[in-house]
Amino acid sequence: MPRPETVTLHVTAGKKHKVSAHDLVGAFVKVGGLEHHTVGRIEVFDFYSYVAVPRKQAAELIEKLNGAKIKGVKVRVTEVA
């Protein structure tokens, strides 16, 4: 079976932190260096969010976004197993 082209990243910020999908896209583009059209599905829950990104850029995004601030909230980013 081929591996999917995207992976899901877990971000420690959500609705209770006043973070929206738009804010997440902005952070992934501005801080992570990802192109806007390559950001996949985003799900925002109360205290965390999931963002689908291209597999080949995931490790770099995790490195760049860990410790970054989104809407004033310092976040941790990990790959969902």
PDB file of N, CA and C in Angstrom:
ATOM      1  N   MET A   1       0.839  -1.189   0.000  1.00  0.00           N
ATOM      2  CA  MET A   1       0.000   0.000   0.000  1.00  0.00           C
ATOM      3  C   MET A   1       0.883   1.251   0.000  1.00  0.00           C
ATOM      4  N   PRO A   2       0.629   2.210  -0.873  1.00  0.00           N
ATOM      5  CA  PRO A   2       1.442   3.431  -0.890  1.00  0.00           C
ATOM      6  C   PRO A   2       1.170   4.299   0.332  1.00  0.00           C
ATOM      7  N   ARG A   3       2.203   5.007   0.764  1.00  0.00           N
ATOM      8  CA  ARG A   3       2.034   5.904   1.900  1.00  0.00           C
ATOM      9  C   ARG A   3       1.299   7.157   1.444  1.00  0.00           C
ATOM     10  N   PRO A   4       0.430   7.675   2.296  1.00  0.00           N
ATOM     11  CA  PRO A   4      -0.259   8.915   1.919  1.00  0.00           C
ATOM     12  C   PRO A   4       0.731  10.062   1.758  1.00  0.00           C
ATOM     13  N   GLU A   5       0.385  11.002   0.918  1.00  0.00           N
ATOM     14  CA  GLU A   5       1.278  12.133   0.656  1.00  0.00           C
ATOM     15  C   GLU A   5       1.249  13.179   1.755  1.00  0.00           C
ATOM     16  N   THR A   6       0.276  13.080   2.657  1.00  0.00           N
ATOM     17  CA  THR A   6       0.199  14.051   3.747  1.00  0.00           C
ATOM     18  C   THR A   6       0.273  13.345   5.092  1.00  0.00           C
ATOM     19  N   VAL A   7       0.675  14.104   6.092  1.00  0.00           N
ATOM     20  CA  VAL A   7       0.643  13.635   7.476  1.00  0.00           C
ATOM     21  C   VAL A   7      -0.116  14.674   8.289  1.00  0.00           C
ATOM     22  N   THR A   8      -0.611  14.248   9.437  1.00  0.00           N
ATOM     23  CA  THR A   8      -1.362  15.145  10.300  1.00  0.00           C
ATOM     24  C   THR A   8      -0.476  15.593  11.452  1.00  0.00           C
ATOM     25  N   LEU A   9      -0.477  16.888  11.684  1.00  0.00           N
ATOM     26  CA  LEU A   9       0.279  17.454  12.802  1.00  0.00           C
ATOM     27  C   LEU A   9      -0.690  17.896  13.896  1.00  0.00           C
ATOM     28  N   HIS A  10      -0.306  17.655  15.140  1.00  0.00           N
ATOM     29  CA  HIS A  10      -1.088  18.054  16.309  1.00  0.00           C
ATOM     30  C   HIS A  10      -0.505  19.366  16.817  1.00  0.00           C
ATOM     31  N   VAL A  11      -1.345  20.376  16.983  1.00  0.00           N
ATOM     32  CA  VAL A  11      -0.914  21.702  17.450  1.00  0.00           C
ATOM     33  C   VAL A  11      -1.620  21.983  18.772  1.00  0.00           C
ATOM     34  N   THR A  12      -0.865  22.405  19.785  1.00  0.00           N
ATOM     35  CA  THR A  12      -1.435  22.618  21.117  1.00  0.00           C
ATOM     36  C   THR A  12      -2.100  23.981  21.267  1.00  0.00           C
ATOM     37  N   ALA A  13      -3.008  24.299  20.368  1.00  0.00           N
ATOM     38  CA  ALA A  13      -3.804  25.526  20.458  1.00  0.00           C
ATOM     39  C   ALA A  13      -5.141  25.249  19.795  1.00  0.00           C
ATOM     40  N   GLY A  14      -6.212  25.791  20.366  1.00  0.00           N
ATOM     41  CA  GLY A  14      -7.538  25.539  19.820  1.00  0.00           C
ATOM     42  C   GLY A  14      -8.496  26.681  20.069  1.00  0.00           C
ATOM     43  N   LYS A  15      -9.785  26.358  19.983  1.00  0.00           N
ATOM     44  CA  LYS A  15     -10.837  27.375  20.109  1.00  0.00           C
ATOM     45  C   LYS A  15     -10.778  28.138  21.434  1.00  0.00           C
ATOM     46  N   LYS A  16     -10.451  27.450  22.515  1.00  0.00           N
ATOM     47  CA  LYS A  16     -10.400  28.115  23.826  1.00  0.00           C
ATOM     48  C   LYS A  16      -9.246  29.110  23.906  1.00  0.00           C
ATOM     49  N   HIS A  17      -8.283  29.002  22.980  1.00  0.00           N
ATOM     50  CA  HIS A  17      -7.181  29.963  22.901  1.00  0.00           C
ATOM     51  C   HIS A  17      -7.473  31.031  21.850  1.00  0.00           C
ATOM     52  N   LYS A  18      -8.700  31.001  21.328  1.00  0.00           N
ATOM     53  CA  LYS A  18      -9.162  31.928  20.287  1.00  0.00           C
ATOM     54  C   LYS A  18      -8.378  31.760  18.980  1.00  0.00           C
ATOM     55  N   VAL A  19      -7.945  30.519  18.698  1.00  0.00           N
ATOM     56  CA  VAL A  19      -7.214  30.193  17.477  1.00  0.00           C
ATOM     57  C   VAL A  19      -8.190  29.599  16.467  1.00  0.00           C
ATOM     58  N   SER A  20      -8.143  30.114  15.235  1.00  0.00           N
ATOM     59  CA  SER A  20      -9.019  29.627  14.168  1.00  0.00           C
ATOM     60  C   SER A  20      -8.186  28.926  13.096  1.00  0.00           C
ATOM     61  N   ALA A  21      -8.859  28.280  12.166  1.00  0.00           N
ATOM     62  CA  ALA A  21      -8.177  27.628  11.047  1.00  0.00           C
ATOM     63  C   ALA A  21      -7.366  28.662  10.261  1.00  0.00           C
ATOM     64  N   HIS A  22      -7.908  29.857  10.105  1.00  0.00           N
ATOM     65  CA  HIS A  22      -7.219  30.940   9.403  1.00  0.00           C
ATOM     66  C   HIS A  22      -5.896  31.291  10.093  1.00  0.00           C
ATOM     67  N   ASP A  23      -5.913  31.348  11.432  1.00  0.00           N
ATOM     68  CA  ASP A  23      -4.692  31.647  12.191  1.00  0.00           C
ATOM     69  C   ASP A  23      -3.650  30.560  11.980  1.00  0.00           C
ATOM     70  N   LEU A  24      -4.097  29.305  11.944  1.00  0.00           N
ATOM     71  CA  LEU A  24      -3.179  28.184  11.750  1.00  0.00           C
ATOM     72  C   LEU A  24      -2.544  28.227  10.360  1.00  0.00           C
ATOM     73  N   VAL A  25      -3.339  28.501   9.344  1.00  0.00           N
ATOM     74  CA  VAL A  25      -2.803  28.611   7.988  1.00  0.00           C
ATOM     75  C   VAL A  25      -1.762  29.724   7.950  1.00  0.00           C
ATOM     76  N   GLY A  26      -2.075  30.851   8.552  1.00  0.00           N
ATOM     77  CA  GLY A  26      -1.143  31.969   8.584  1.00  0.00           C
ATOM     78  C   GLY A  26       0.181  31.600   9.218  1.00  0.00           C
ATOM     79  N   ALA A  27       0.138  30.876  10.333  1.00  0.00           N
ATOM     80  CA  ALA A  27       1.362  30.473  11.015  1.00  0.00           C
ATOM     81  C   ALA A  27       2.159  29.475  10.186  1.00  0.00           C
ATOM     82  N   PHE A  28       1.468  28.519   9.578  1.00  0.00           N
ATOM     83  CA  PHE A  28       2.163  27.512   8.777  1.00  0.00           C
ATOM     84  C   PHE A  28       2.800  28.133   7.539  1.00  0.00           C
ATOM     85  N   VAL A  29       2.181  29.184   7.003  1.00  0.00           N
ATOM     86  CA  VAL A  29       2.734  29.857   5.825  1.00  0.00           C
ATOM     87  C   VAL A  29       3.861  30.808   6.233  1.00  0.00           C
ATOM     88  N   LYS A  30       3.588  31.660   7.223  1.00  0.00           N
ATOM     89  CA  LYS A  30       4.552  32.695   7.603  1.00  0.00           C
ATOM     90  C   LYS A  30       5.754  32.132   8.364  1.00  0.00           C
ATOM     91  N   VAL A  31       5.508  31.343   9.391  1.00  0.00           N
ATOM     92  CA  VAL A  31       6.594  30.816  10.224  1.00  0.00           C
ATOM     93  C   VAL A  31       7.183  29.538   9.618  1.00  0.00           C
ATOM     94  N   GLY A  32       6.297  28.669   9.146  1.00  0.00           N
ATOM     95  CA  GLY A  32       6.748  27.383   8.634  1.00  0.00           C
ATOM     96  C   GLY A  32       7.279  27.404   7.218  1.00  0.00           C
ATOM     97  N   GLY A  33       6.952  28.451   6.470  1.00  0.00           N
ATOM     98  CA  GLY A  33       7.431  28.553   5.100  1.00  0.00           C
ATOM     99  C   GLY A  33       6.668  27.684   4.108  1.00  0.00           C
ATOM    100  N   LEU A  34       5.511  27.201   4.508  1.00  0.00           N
ATOM    101  CA  LEU A  34       4.687  26.364   3.643  1.00  0.00           C
ATOM    102  C   LEU A  34       3.907  27.237   2.673  1.00  0.00           C
ATOM    103  N   GLU A  35       3.636  26.729   1.477  1.00  0.00           N
ATOM    104  CA  GLU A  35       2.814  27.481   0.535  1.00  0.00           C
ATOM    105  C   GLU A  35       1.352  27.300   0.902  1.00  0.00           C
ATOM    106  N   HIS A  36       0.584  28.363   0.746  1.00  0.00           N
ATOM    107  CA  HIS A  36      -0.821  28.392   1.163  1.00  0.00           C
ATOM    108  C   HIS A  36      -1.621  27.210   0.610  1.00  0.00           C
ATOM    109  N   HIS A  37      -1.442  26.895  -0.652  1.00  0.00           N
ATOM    110  CA  HIS A  37      -2.254  25.848  -1.284  1.00  0.00           C
ATOM    111  C   HIS A  37      -1.866  24.429  -0.859  1.00  0.00           C
ATOM    112  N   THR A  38      -0.728  24.257  -0.155  1.00  0.00           N
ATOM    113  CA  THR A  38      -0.313  22.918   0.270  1.00  0.00           C
ATOM    114  C   THR A  38      -0.822  22.537   1.657  1.00  0.00           C
ATOM    115  N   VAL A  39      -1.417  23.485   2.375  1.00  0.00           N
ATOM    116  CA  VAL A  39      -2.001  23.174   3.679  1.00  0.00           C
ATOM    117  C   VAL A  39      -3.276  22.380   3.424  1.00  0.00           C
ATOM    118  N   GLY A  40      -3.381  21.228   4.076  1.00  0.00           N
ATOM    119  CA  GLY A  40      -4.543  20.369   3.871  1.00  0.00           C
ATOM    120  C   GLY A  40      -5.650  20.653   4.872  1.00  0.00           C
ATOM    121  N   ARG A  41      -6.379  19.602   5.214  1.00  0.00           N
ATOM    122  CA  ARG A  41      -7.525  19.720   6.113  1.00  0.00           C
ATOM    123  C   ARG A  41      -7.079  20.197   7.496  1.00  0.00           C
ATOM    124  N   ILE A  42      -7.890  21.078   8.066  1.00  0.00           N
ATOM    125  CA  ILE A  42      -7.622  21.606   9.406  1.00  0.00           C
ATOM    126  C   ILE A  42      -8.851  21.354  10.270  1.00  0.00           C
ATOM    127  N   GLU A  43      -8.616  20.811  11.458  1.00  0.00           N
ATOM    128  CA  GLU A  43      -9.697  20.622  12.426  1.00  0.00           C
ATOM    129  C   GLU A  43      -9.285  21.325  13.713  1.00  0.00           C
ATOM    130  N   VAL A  44     -10.132  22.229  14.189  1.00  0.00           N
ATOM    131  CA  VAL A  44      -9.835  22.989  15.403  1.00  0.00           C
ATOM    132  C   VAL A  44     -10.793  22.523  16.500  1.00  0.00           C
ATOM    133  N   PHE A  45     -10.234  22.022  17.589  1.00  0.00           N
ATOM    134  CA  PHE A  45     -11.010  21.584  18.741  1.00  0.00           C
ATOM    135  C   PHE A  45     -10.819  22.596  19.861  1.00  0.00           C
ATOM    136  N   ASP A  46     -11.354  22.329  21.047  1.00  0.00           N
ATOM    137  CA  ASP A  46     -11.266  23.299  22.135  1.00  0.00           C
ATOM    138  C   ASP A  46      -9.828  23.648  22.539  1.00  0.00           C
ATOM    139  N   PHE A  47      -8.986  22.631  22.739  1.00  0.00           N
ATOM    140  CA  PHE A  47      -7.649  22.896  23.266  1.00  0.00           C
ATOM    141  C   PHE A  47      -6.512  22.475  22.335  1.00  0.00           C
ATOM    142  N   TYR A  48      -6.834  21.938  21.175  1.00  0.00           N
ATOM    143  CA  TYR A  48      -5.806  21.508  20.229  1.00  0.00           C
ATOM    144  C   TYR A  48      -6.385  21.527  18.820  1.00  0.00           C
ATOM    145  N   SER A  49      -5.498  21.372  17.837  1.00  0.00           N
ATOM    146  CA  SER A  49      -5.915  21.374  16.432  1.00  0.00           C
ATOM    147  C   SER A  49      -5.112  20.341  15.666  1.00  0.00           C
ATOM    148  N   TYR A  50      -5.670  19.916  14.531  1.00  0.00           N
ATOM    149  CA  TYR A  50      -4.970  19.025  13.613  1.00  0.00           C
ATOM    150  C   TYR A  50      -4.836  19.733  12.272  1.00  0.00           C
ATOM    151  N   VAL A  51      -3.652  19.613  11.677  1.00  0.00           N
ATOM    152  CA  VAL A  51      -3.400  20.229  10.375  1.00  0.00           C
ATOM    153  C   VAL A  51      -2.712  19.194   9.483  1.00  0.00           C
ATOM    154  N   ALA A  52      -3.256  18.959   8.289  1.00  0.00           N
ATOM    155  CA  ALA A  52      -2.639  18.048   7.329  1.00  0.00           C
ATOM    156  C   ALA A  52      -1.642  18.829   6.482  1.00  0.00           C
ATOM    157  N   VAL A  53      -0.422  18.276   6.368  1.00  0.00           N
ATOM    158  CA  VAL A  53       0.642  18.926   5.602  1.00  0.00           C
ATOM    159  C   VAL A  53       1.356  17.880   4.746  1.00  0.00           C
ATOM    160  N   PRO A  54       2.081  18.316   3.710  1.00  0.00           N
ATOM    161  CA  PRO A  54       2.834  17.364   2.884  1.00  0.00           C
ATOM    162  C   PRO A  54       3.865  16.602   3.726  1.00  0.00           C
ATOM    163  N   ARG A  55       3.922  15.291   3.539  1.00  0.00           N
ATOM    164  CA  ARG A  55       4.826  14.431   4.313  1.00  0.00           C
ATOM    165  C   ARG A  55       6.277  14.902   4.257  1.00  0.00           C
ATOM    166  N   LYS A  56       6.746  15.304   3.060  1.00  0.00           N
ATOM    167  CA  LYS A  56       8.160  15.655   2.920  1.00  0.00           C
ATOM    168  C   LYS A  56       8.534  16.958   3.630  1.00  0.00           C
ATOM    169  N   GLN A  57       7.554  17.759   4.039  1.00  0.00           N
ATOM    170  CA  GLN A  57       7.852  19.015   4.737  1.00  0.00           C
ATOM    171  C   GLN A  57       7.514  18.950   6.228  1.00  0.00           C
ATOM    172  N   ALA A  58       6.976  17.831   6.679  1.00  0.00           N
ATOM    173  CA  ALA A  58       6.494  17.733   8.065  1.00  0.00           C
ATOM    174  C   ALA A  58       7.593  17.960   9.098  1.00  0.00           C
ATOM    175  N   ALA A  59       8.731  17.299   8.949  1.00  0.00           N
ATOM    176  CA  ALA A  59       9.802  17.426   9.950  1.00  0.00           C
ATOM    177  C   ALA A  59      10.297  18.863  10.059  1.00  0.00           C
ATOM    178  N   GLU A  60      10.442  19.527   8.924  1.00  0.00           N
ATOM    179  CA  GLU A  60      10.891  20.921   8.915  1.00  0.00           C
ATOM    180  C   GLU A  60       9.854  21.828   9.590  1.00  0.00           C
ATOM    181  N   LEU A  61       8.577  21.583   9.321  1.00  0.00           N
ATOM    182  CA  LEU A  61       7.516  22.387   9.929  1.00  0.00           C
ATOM    183  C   LEU A  61       7.493  22.211  11.446  1.00  0.00           C
ATOM    184  N   ILE A  62       7.646  20.972  11.895  1.00  0.00           N
ATOM    185  CA  ILE A  62       7.654  20.702  13.335  1.00  0.00           C
ATOM    186  C   ILE A  62       8.792  21.482  13.993  1.00  0.00           C
ATOM    187  N   GLU A  63       9.960  21.444  13.382  1.00  0.00           N
ATOM    188  CA  GLU A  63      11.122  22.148  13.929  1.00  0.00           C
ATOM    189  C   GLU A  63      10.887  23.660  13.990  1.00  0.00           C
ATOM    190  N   LYS A  64      10.355  24.223  12.907  1.00  0.00           N
ATOM    191  CA  LYS A  64      10.153  25.680  12.847  1.00  0.00           C
ATOM    192  C   LYS A  64       9.022  26.159  13.758  1.00  0.00           C
ATOM    193  N   LEU A  65       7.950  25.363  13.882  1.00  0.00           N
ATOM    194  CA  LEU A  65       6.768  25.822  14.608  1.00  0.00           C
ATOM    195  C   LEU A  65       6.792  25.526  16.104  1.00  0.00           C
ATOM    196  N   ASN A  66       7.610  24.578  16.547  1.00  0.00           N
ATOM    197  CA  ASN A  66       7.685  24.294  17.987  1.00  0.00           C
ATOM    198  C   ASN A  66       8.206  25.531  18.708  1.00  0.00           C
ATOM    199  N   GLY A  67       7.433  26.000  19.679  1.00  0.00           N
ATOM    200  CA  GLY A  67       7.818  27.184  20.430  1.00  0.00           C
ATOM    201  C   GLY A  67       7.345  28.487  19.808  1.00  0.00           C
ATOM    202  N   ALA A  68       6.803  28.420  18.587  1.00  0.00           N
ATOM    203  CA  ALA A  68       6.286  29.638  17.945  1.00  0.00           C
ATOM    204  C   ALA A  68       4.984  30.058  18.625  1.00  0.00           C
ATOM    205  N   LYS A  69       4.601  31.295  18.427  1.00  0.00           N
ATOM    206  CA  LYS A  69       3.350  31.782  19.014  1.00  0.00           C
ATOM    207  C   LYS A  69       2.298  31.952  17.922  1.00  0.00           C
ATOM    208  N   ILE A  70       1.119  31.435  18.221  1.00  0.00           N
ATOM    209  CA  ILE A  70      -0.044  31.622  17.350  1.00  0.00           C
ATOM    210  C   ILE A  70      -1.090  32.315  18.201  1.00  0.00           C
ATOM    211  N   LYS A  71      -1.461  33.518  17.814  1.00  0.00           N
ATOM    212  CA  LYS A  71      -2.410  34.331  18.586  1.00  0.00           C
ATOM    213  C   LYS A  71      -1.945  34.508  20.035  1.00  0.00           C
ATOM    214  N   GLY A  72      -0.637  34.663  20.228  1.00  0.00           N
ATOM    215  CA  GLY A  72      -0.091  34.876  21.559  1.00  0.00           C
ATOM    216  C   GLY A  72       0.073  33.610  22.385  1.00  0.00           C
ATOM    217  N   VAL A  73      -0.253  32.450  21.825  1.00  0.00           N
ATOM    218  CA  VAL A  73      -0.139  31.180  22.546  1.00  0.00           C
ATOM    219  C   VAL A  73       1.084  30.426  22.023  1.00  0.00           C
ATOM    220  N   LYS A  74       2.005  30.111  22.913  1.00  0.00           N
ATOM    221  CA  LYS A  74       3.188  29.341  22.532  1.00  0.00           C
ATOM    222  C   LYS A  74       2.741  27.897  22.289  1.00  0.00           C
ATOM    223  N   VAL A  75       3.057  27.369  21.114  1.00  0.00           N
ATOM    224  CA  VAL A  75       2.546  26.045  20.747  1.00  0.00           C
ATOM    225  C   VAL A  75       3.640  24.991  20.640  1.00  0.00           C
ATOM    226  N   ARG A  76       3.193  23.742  20.798  1.00  0.00           N
ATOM    227  CA  ARG A  76       4.029  22.578  20.509  1.00  0.00           C
ATOM    228  C   ARG A  76       3.383  21.876  19.333  1.00  0.00           C
ATOM    229  N   VAL A  77       4.187  21.380  18.415  1.00  0.00           N
ATOM    230  CA  VAL A  77       3.682  20.699  17.233  1.00  0.00           C
ATOM    231  C   VAL A  77       4.325  19.321  17.172  1.00  0.00           C
ATOM    232  N   THR A  78       3.490  18.295  17.022  1.00  0.00           N
ATOM    233  CA  THR A  78       3.986  16.916  16.899  1.00  0.00           C
ATOM    234  C   THR A  78       3.237  16.203  15.787  1.00  0.00           C
ATOM    235  N   GLU A  79       3.867  15.168  15.261  1.00  0.00           N
ATOM    236  CA  GLU A  79       3.224  14.379  14.215  1.00  0.00           C
ATOM    237  C   GLU A  79       2.313  13.353  14.886  1.00  0.00           C
ATOM    238  N   VAL A  80       1.108  13.195  14.335  1.00  0.00           N
ATOM    239  CA  VAL A  80       0.173  12.213  14.851  1.00  0.00           C
ATOM    240  C   VAL A  80       0.590  10.850  14.312  1.00  0.00           C
ATOM    241  N   ALA A  81       0.741   9.900  15.221  1.00  0.00           N
ATOM    242  CA  ALA A  81       1.190   8.548  14.802  1.00  0.00           C
ATOM    243  C   ALA A  81       0.066   7.775  14.123  1.00  0.00           C
TER     244      ALA A  81
END
